[in-house]
Amino acid sequence: MSNKFTEIQANRRTIYALGKNVSQSKAEIADLIKEAVKLSPTAFNSQTVRAVVTFGEASDKVWDIVLAELKKVAVSEEAFAKTTEKINTFKAGFGTVLYFTETATVEQLEKDFPLYADNFADWAEQGLGGAQQAVWEALTAAGLGASLQHYNPLIDVEIAKEFDIPASWKLRAQMPFGSIEAPAGDKEYMADADRFKVFGA
């Protein structure tokens, strides 16, 4: 059984060939991302997900920082050349979403609800995953492509400086997005019998 939602899920793919051929305005895309994050669930309605949406030179700066930090740890010029090529595919997009967890709220919940203290960090991470999925599918529904990258914590300090990030925001992921310049390849799925159990049906 499928519906519009599962069709969007099926169309959501990791797109590496991104471009700037976008029909929506920056404001429209920013509003779409903000609404997707806002409507995503979090444990105790803690709303621990934070997002910074960047376009143009601001988005380019994200990937300039990534490249600069990676150069510091590059093992060889050849390896760094390949890395540069990869980073430039992200920079070619229309924008980048930076995802954060607001740790002060997590820490306060740990104090307020000691019985569940060991769970709040995990629950915040689950909330973040839900928000990322929601944004990704919202972008998909709008005809845009995206991928999810993780160059944190390598870039945390410089990103915080560049974008005036509060100390309690912990960088968790980066999502470059833009027009789909080339489709994703075929995707294989493991057998349902190895993945699911259904009882009482």
C-alpha atoms as a PDB file:
ATOM      1  CA  MET A   1       0.000   0.000   0.000  1.00  0.00           C
ATOM      2  CA  SER A   2       1.313   3.439  -0.871  1.00  0.00           C
ATOM      3  CA  ASN A   3       0.098   7.018  -0.521  1.00  0.00           C
ATOM      4  CA  LYS A   4       1.441  10.490  -1.202  1.00  0.00           C
ATOM      5  CA  PHE A   5       3.600  10.388   1.913  1.00  0.00           C
ATOM      6  CA  THR A   6       5.308   7.098   1.067  1.00  0.00           C
ATOM      7  CA  GLU A   7       5.768   8.320  -2.503  1.00  0.00           C
ATOM      8  CA  ILE A   8       7.674  11.318  -1.134  1.00  0.00           C
ATOM      9  CA  GLN A   9       9.703   8.984   1.067  1.00  0.00           C
ATOM     10  CA  ALA A  10      10.545   6.830  -1.927  1.00  0.00           C
ATOM     11  CA  ASN A  11      11.625   9.888  -3.919  1.00  0.00           C
ATOM     12  CA  ARG A  12      13.801  11.216  -1.102  1.00  0.00           C
ATOM     13  CA  ARG A  13      17.309  10.173  -2.029  1.00  0.00           C
ATOM     14  CA  THR A  14      20.825  11.295  -1.318  1.00  0.00           C
ATOM     15  CA  ILE A  15      21.586  13.711  -4.152  1.00  0.00           C
ATOM     16  CA  TYR A  16      25.236  14.614  -4.674  1.00  0.00           C
ATOM     17  CA  ALA A  17      24.849  16.424  -8.012  1.00  0.00           C
ATOM     18  CA  LEU A  18      23.348  19.675  -6.735  1.00  0.00           C
ATOM     19  CA  GLY A  19      22.865  22.971  -8.542  1.00  0.00           C
ATOM     20  CA  LYS A  20      21.433  26.446  -8.188  1.00  0.00           C
ATOM     21  CA  ASN A  21      18.580  26.056 -10.710  1.00  0.00           C
ATOM     22  CA  VAL A  22      15.887  26.642  -8.120  1.00  0.00           C
ATOM     23  CA  SER A  23      12.486  28.197  -8.841  1.00  0.00           C
ATOM     24  CA  GLN A  24      11.558  28.960  -5.228  1.00  0.00           C
ATOM     25  CA  SER A  25      12.747  32.104  -3.475  1.00  0.00           C
ATOM     26  CA  LYS A  26      15.177  31.945  -0.580  1.00  0.00           C
ATOM     27  CA  ALA A  27      12.397  33.107   1.733  1.00  0.00           C
ATOM     28  CA  GLU A  28      10.086  30.325   0.564  1.00  0.00           C
ATOM     29  CA  ILE A  29      12.729  27.675   1.117  1.00  0.00           C
ATOM     30  CA  ALA A  30      13.684  29.082   4.523  1.00  0.00           C
ATOM     31  CA  ASP A  31      10.022  29.067   5.579  1.00  0.00           C
ATOM     32  CA  LEU A  32       9.640  25.483   4.369  1.00  0.00           C
ATOM     33  CA  ILE A  33      12.638  24.351   6.407  1.00  0.00           C
ATOM     34  CA  LYS A  34      11.551  26.252   9.506  1.00  0.00           C
ATOM     35  CA  GLU A  35       8.039  24.803   9.355  1.00  0.00           C
ATOM     36  CA  ALA A  36       9.337  21.246   8.888  1.00  0.00           C
ATOM     37  CA  VAL A  37      11.563  21.563  11.952  1.00  0.00           C
ATOM     38  CA  LYS A  38       8.854  23.253  13.998  1.00  0.00           C
ATOM     39  CA  LEU A  39       6.314  20.494  13.315  1.00  0.00           C
ATOM     40  CA  SER A  40       8.714  17.637  14.069  1.00  0.00           C
ATOM     41  CA  PRO A  41       8.145  15.834  17.390  1.00  0.00           C
ATOM     42  CA  THR A  42      10.562  15.857  20.321  1.00  0.00           C
ATOM     43  CA  ALA A  43      10.415  14.050  23.671  1.00  0.00           C
ATOM     44  CA  PHE A  44       8.585  16.075  26.337  1.00  0.00           C
ATOM     45  CA  ASN A  45       7.983  18.641  23.578  1.00  0.00           C
ATOM     46  CA  SER A  46      11.479  19.799  24.457  1.00  0.00           C
ATOM     47  CA  GLN A  47      12.052  21.405  21.016  1.00  0.00           C
ATOM     48  CA  THR A  48      15.813  20.878  21.218  1.00  0.00           C
ATOM     49  CA  VAL A  49      16.434  21.061  17.468  1.00  0.00           C
ATOM     50  CA  ARG A  50      18.040  24.224  16.114  1.00  0.00           C
ATOM     51  CA  ALA A  51      18.748  25.004  12.463  1.00  0.00           C
ATOM     52  CA  VAL A  52      20.746  27.660  10.640  1.00  0.00           C
ATOM     53  CA  VAL A  53      19.737  28.083   7.002  1.00  0.00           C
ATOM     54  CA  THR A  54      22.407  29.532   4.732  1.00  0.00           C
ATOM     55  CA  PHE A  55      22.287  30.715   1.123  1.00  0.00           C
ATOM     56  CA  GLY A  56      24.779  32.192  -1.333  1.00  0.00           C
ATOM     57  CA  GLU A  57      28.059  33.375   0.166  1.00  0.00           C
ATOM     58  CA  ALA A  58      26.976  32.191   3.613  1.00  0.00           C
ATOM     59  CA  SER A  59      26.476  28.658   2.314  1.00  0.00           C
ATOM     60  CA  ASP A  60      29.797  28.840   0.451  1.00  0.00           C
ATOM     61  CA  LYS A  61      31.465  29.844   3.716  1.00  0.00           C
ATOM     62  CA  VAL A  62      30.256  26.634   5.385  1.00  0.00           C
ATOM     63  CA  TRP A  63      32.094  24.546   2.828  1.00  0.00           C
ATOM     64  CA  ASP A  64      35.145  26.840   2.794  1.00  0.00           C
ATOM     65  CA  ILE A  65      35.420  26.174   6.534  1.00  0.00           C
ATOM     66  CA  VAL A  66      35.007  22.435   6.005  1.00  0.00           C
ATOM     67  CA  LEU A  67      37.746  22.430   3.374  1.00  0.00           C
ATOM     68  CA  ALA A  68      40.113  24.545   5.475  1.00  0.00           C
ATOM     69  CA  GLU A  69      39.722  22.260   8.481  1.00  0.00           C
ATOM     70  CA  LEU A  70      40.105  19.111   6.386  1.00  0.00           C
ATOM     71  CA  LYS A  71      43.301  20.497   4.839  1.00  0.00           C
ATOM     72  CA  LYS A  72      44.822  20.628   8.325  1.00  0.00           C
ATOM     73  CA  VAL A  73      44.375  16.872   8.706  1.00  0.00           C
ATOM     74  CA  ALA A  74      44.921  15.778   5.093  1.00  0.00           C
ATOM     75  CA  VAL A  75      47.242  12.790   4.765  1.00  0.00           C
ATOM     76  CA  SER A  76      48.452  13.699   1.260  1.00  0.00           C
ATOM     77  CA  GLU A  77      47.967  16.206  -1.549  1.00  0.00           C
ATOM     78  CA  GLU A  78      46.310  13.498  -3.653  1.00  0.00           C
ATOM     79  CA  ALA A  79      43.824  12.665  -0.915  1.00  0.00           C
ATOM     80  CA  PHE A  80      43.071  16.341  -0.360  1.00  0.00           C
ATOM     81  CA  ALA A  81      42.453  16.854  -4.086  1.00  0.00           C
ATOM     82  CA  LYS A  82      39.768  14.164  -3.964  1.00  0.00           C
ATOM     83  CA  THR A  83      38.323  15.713  -0.818  1.00  0.00           C
ATOM     84  CA  THR A  84      38.203  19.128  -2.478  1.00  0.00           C
ATOM     85  CA  GLU A  85      36.296  17.679  -5.422  1.00  0.00           C
ATOM     86  CA  LYS A  86      33.755  16.151  -3.061  1.00  0.00           C
ATOM     87  CA  ILE A  87      33.304  19.314  -0.995  1.00  0.00           C
ATOM     88  CA  ASN A  88      32.797  21.357  -4.151  1.00  0.00           C
ATOM     89  CA  THR A  89      29.751  19.219  -5.006  1.00  0.00           C
ATOM     90  CA  PHE A  90      28.152  20.392  -1.758  1.00  0.00           C
ATOM     91  CA  LYS A  91      29.209  23.987  -2.365  1.00  0.00           C
ATOM     92  CA  ALA A  92      27.561  23.833  -5.806  1.00  0.00           C
ATOM     93  CA  GLY A  93      24.124  23.650  -4.176  1.00  0.00           C
ATOM     94  CA  PHE A  94      21.719  26.495  -3.526  1.00  0.00           C
ATOM     95  CA  GLY A  95      22.094  26.449   0.246  1.00  0.00           C
ATOM     96  CA  THR A  96      23.031  24.518   3.360  1.00  0.00           C
ATOM     97  CA  VAL A  97      21.158  23.728   6.562  1.00  0.00           C
ATOM     98  CA  LEU A  98      23.246  23.426   9.719  1.00  0.00           C
ATOM     99  CA  TYR A  99      21.589  21.269  12.373  1.00  0.00           C
ATOM    100  CA  PHE A 100      22.234  21.682  16.087  1.00  0.00           C
ATOM    101  CA  THR A 101      21.049  20.246  19.395  1.00  0.00           C
ATOM    102  CA  GLU A 102      20.312  22.810  22.092  1.00  0.00           C
ATOM    103  CA  THR A 103      22.193  21.190  24.967  1.00  0.00           C
ATOM    104  CA  ALA A 104      21.099  23.529  27.774  1.00  0.00           C
ATOM    105  CA  THR A 105      17.538  22.235  27.457  1.00  0.00           C
ATOM    106  CA  VAL A 106      18.778  18.637  27.485  1.00  0.00           C
ATOM    107  CA  GLU A 107      20.805  19.290  30.629  1.00  0.00           C
ATOM    108  CA  GLN A 108      17.867  21.002  32.350  1.00  0.00           C
ATOM    109  CA  LEU A 109      15.570  18.071  31.570  1.00  0.00           C
ATOM    110  CA  GLU A 110      18.159  15.702  33.030  1.00  0.00           C
ATOM    111  CA  LYS A 111      17.992  17.702  36.277  1.00  0.00           C
ATOM    112  CA  ASP A 112      14.210  18.072  36.285  1.00  0.00           C
ATOM    113  CA  PHE A 113      13.491  14.416  35.532  1.00  0.00           C
ATOM    114  CA  PRO A 114      16.340  12.394  37.100  1.00  0.00           C
ATOM    115  CA  LEU A 115      14.489   9.119  36.529  1.00  0.00           C
ATOM    116  CA  TYR A 116      14.927   9.634  32.775  1.00  0.00           C
ATOM    117  CA  ALA A 117      18.249  11.480  32.897  1.00  0.00           C
ATOM    118  CA  ASP A 118      20.133   8.836  30.965  1.00  0.00           C
ATOM    119  CA  ASN A 119      17.659   9.055  28.091  1.00  0.00           C
ATOM    120  CA  PHE A 120      17.429  12.740  27.243  1.00  0.00           C
ATOM    121  CA  ALA A 121      20.559  12.922  25.088  1.00  0.00           C
ATOM    122  CA  ASP A 122      19.318   9.941  23.076  1.00  0.00           C
ATOM    123  CA  TRP A 123      15.852  11.429  22.813  1.00  0.00           C
ATOM    124  CA  ALA A 124      17.283  14.733  21.604  1.00  0.00           C
ATOM    125  CA  GLU A 125      19.200  12.840  18.923  1.00  0.00           C
ATOM    126  CA  GLN A 126      15.983  11.081  17.894  1.00  0.00           C
ATOM    127  CA  GLY A 127      14.234  14.446  17.665  1.00  0.00           C
ATOM    128  CA  LEU A 128      17.052  15.730  15.497  1.00  0.00           C
ATOM    129  CA  GLY A 129      16.762  12.732  13.184  1.00  0.00           C
ATOM    130  CA  GLY A 130      13.043  13.279  12.840  1.00  0.00           C
ATOM    131  CA  ALA A 131      13.557  16.941  11.969  1.00  0.00           C
ATOM    132  CA  GLN A 132      16.224  16.124   9.404  1.00  0.00           C
ATOM    133  CA  GLN A 133      13.953  13.563   7.773  1.00  0.00           C
ATOM    134  CA  ALA A 134      11.080  16.044   7.732  1.00  0.00           C
ATOM    135  CA  VAL A 135      13.181  18.767   6.120  1.00  0.00           C
ATOM    136  CA  TRP A 136      14.624  16.341   3.593  1.00  0.00           C
ATOM    137  CA  GLU A 137      11.169  15.146   2.568  1.00  0.00           C
ATOM    138  CA  ALA A 138       9.816  18.709   2.459  1.00  0.00           C
ATOM    139  CA  LEU A 139      12.659  19.623   0.091  1.00  0.00           C
ATOM    140  CA  THR A 140      11.915  16.490  -1.945  1.00  0.00           C
ATOM    141  CA  ALA A 141       8.248  17.453  -2.229  1.00  0.00           C
ATOM    142  CA  ALA A 142       9.405  20.860  -3.480  1.00  0.00           C
ATOM    143  CA  GLY A 143      11.471  19.196  -6.210  1.00  0.00           C
ATOM    144  CA  LEU A 144      14.816  19.838  -4.527  1.00  0.00           C
ATOM    145  CA  GLY A 145      17.652  17.457  -3.750  1.00  0.00           C
ATOM    146  CA  ALA A 146      19.794  17.185  -0.626  1.00  0.00           C
ATOM    147  CA  SER A 147      22.271  15.046   1.257  1.00  0.00           C
ATOM    148  CA  LEU A 148      23.227  14.786   4.917  1.00  0.00           C
ATOM    149  CA  GLN A 149      26.861  15.343   5.887  1.00  0.00           C
ATOM    150  CA  HIS A 150      28.751  15.136   9.180  1.00  0.00           C
ATOM    151  CA  TYR A 151      31.944  17.178   9.414  1.00  0.00           C
ATOM    152  CA  ASN A 152      31.365  17.965  13.064  1.00  0.00           C
ATOM    153  CA  PRO A 153      33.128  18.226  15.468  1.00  0.00           C
ATOM    154  CA  LEU A 154      36.042  19.139  13.184  1.00  0.00           C
ATOM    155  CA  ILE A 155      34.347  22.362  12.078  1.00  0.00           C
ATOM    156  CA  ASP A 156      32.456  23.269  15.251  1.00  0.00           C
ATOM    157  CA  VAL A 157      34.660  26.111  16.471  1.00  0.00           C
ATOM    158  CA  GLU A 158      34.938  27.931  13.148  1.00  0.00           C
ATOM    159  CA  ILE A 159      31.237  27.489  12.329  1.00  0.00           C
ATOM    160  CA  ALA A 160      30.337  28.907  15.748  1.00  0.00           C
ATOM    161  CA  LYS A 161      32.561  31.938  15.123  1.00  0.00           C
ATOM    162  CA  GLU A 162      31.312  32.567  11.602  1.00  0.00           C
ATOM    163  CA  PHE A 163      27.602  32.301  12.371  1.00  0.00           C
ATOM    164  CA  ASP A 164      27.535  33.576  15.962  1.00  0.00           C
ATOM    165  CA  ILE A 165      26.277  30.268  17.324  1.00  0.00           C
ATOM    166  CA  PRO A 166      25.303  30.166  21.031  1.00  0.00           C
ATOM    167  CA  ALA A 167      27.586  28.052  23.209  1.00  0.00           C
ATOM    168  CA  SER A 168      24.726  25.705  24.095  1.00  0.00           C
ATOM    169  CA  TRP A 169      24.126  24.738  20.446  1.00  0.00           C
ATOM    170  CA  LYS A 170      26.006  21.573  19.484  1.00  0.00           C
ATOM    171  CA  LEU A 171      26.563  21.088  15.763  1.00  0.00           C
ATOM    172  CA  ARG A 172      25.314  17.681  14.596  1.00  0.00           C
ATOM    173  CA  ALA A 173      25.027  17.712  10.781  1.00  0.00           C
ATOM    174  CA  GLN A 174      25.115  19.710   7.560  1.00  0.00           C
ATOM    175  CA  MET A 175      22.565  19.398   4.736  1.00  0.00           C
ATOM    176  CA  PRO A 176      23.504  20.914   1.364  1.00  0.00           C
ATOM    177  CA  PHE A 177      20.509  21.299  -0.933  1.00  0.00           C
ATOM    178  CA  GLY A 178      19.644  22.590  -4.378  1.00  0.00           C
ATOM    179  CA  SER A 179      18.382  21.614  -7.779  1.00  0.00           C
ATOM    180  CA  ILE A 180      18.812  17.986  -8.823  1.00  0.00           C
ATOM    181  CA  GLU A 181      21.409  17.999 -11.594  1.00  0.00           C
ATOM    182  CA  ALA A 182      21.686  14.210 -11.804  1.00  0.00           C
ATOM    183  CA  PRO A 183      19.440  11.570 -10.218  1.00  0.00           C
ATOM    184  CA  ALA A 184      20.532   9.155  -7.531  1.00  0.00           C
ATOM    185  CA  GLY A 185      21.394   5.612  -8.563  1.00  0.00           C
ATOM    186  CA  ASP A 186      19.287   2.546  -7.900  1.00  0.00           C
ATOM    187  CA  LYS A 187      18.743   1.638  -4.268  1.00  0.00           C
ATOM    188  CA  GLU A 188      18.561  -1.890  -2.926  1.00  0.00           C
ATOM    189  CA  TYR A 189      16.504  -2.893   0.112  1.00  0.00           C
ATOM    190  CA  MET A 190      17.071  -5.862   2.377  1.00  0.00           C
ATOM    191  CA  ALA A 191      14.353  -8.508   2.554  1.00  0.00           C
ATOM    192  CA  ASP A 192      11.349  -7.573   4.714  1.00  0.00           C
ATOM    193  CA  ALA A 193      11.587 -10.942   6.488  1.00  0.00           C
ATOM    194  CA  ASP A 194      15.033  -9.956   7.814  1.00  0.00           C
ATOM    195  CA  ARG A 195      13.874  -6.558   8.955  1.00  0.00           C
ATOM    196  CA  PHE A 196      10.352  -6.730  10.332  1.00  0.00           C
ATOM    197  CA  LYS A 197       8.176  -8.767  12.674  1.00  0.00           C
ATOM    198  CA  VAL A 198       4.392  -8.303  12.702  1.00  0.00           C
ATOM    199  CA  PHE A 199       2.164  -9.827  15.380  1.00  0.00           C
ATOM    200  CA  GLY A 200      -1.601  -9.944  15.762  1.00  0.00           C
ATOM    201  CA  ALA A 201      -2.324  -9.014  12.155  1.00  0.00           C
END
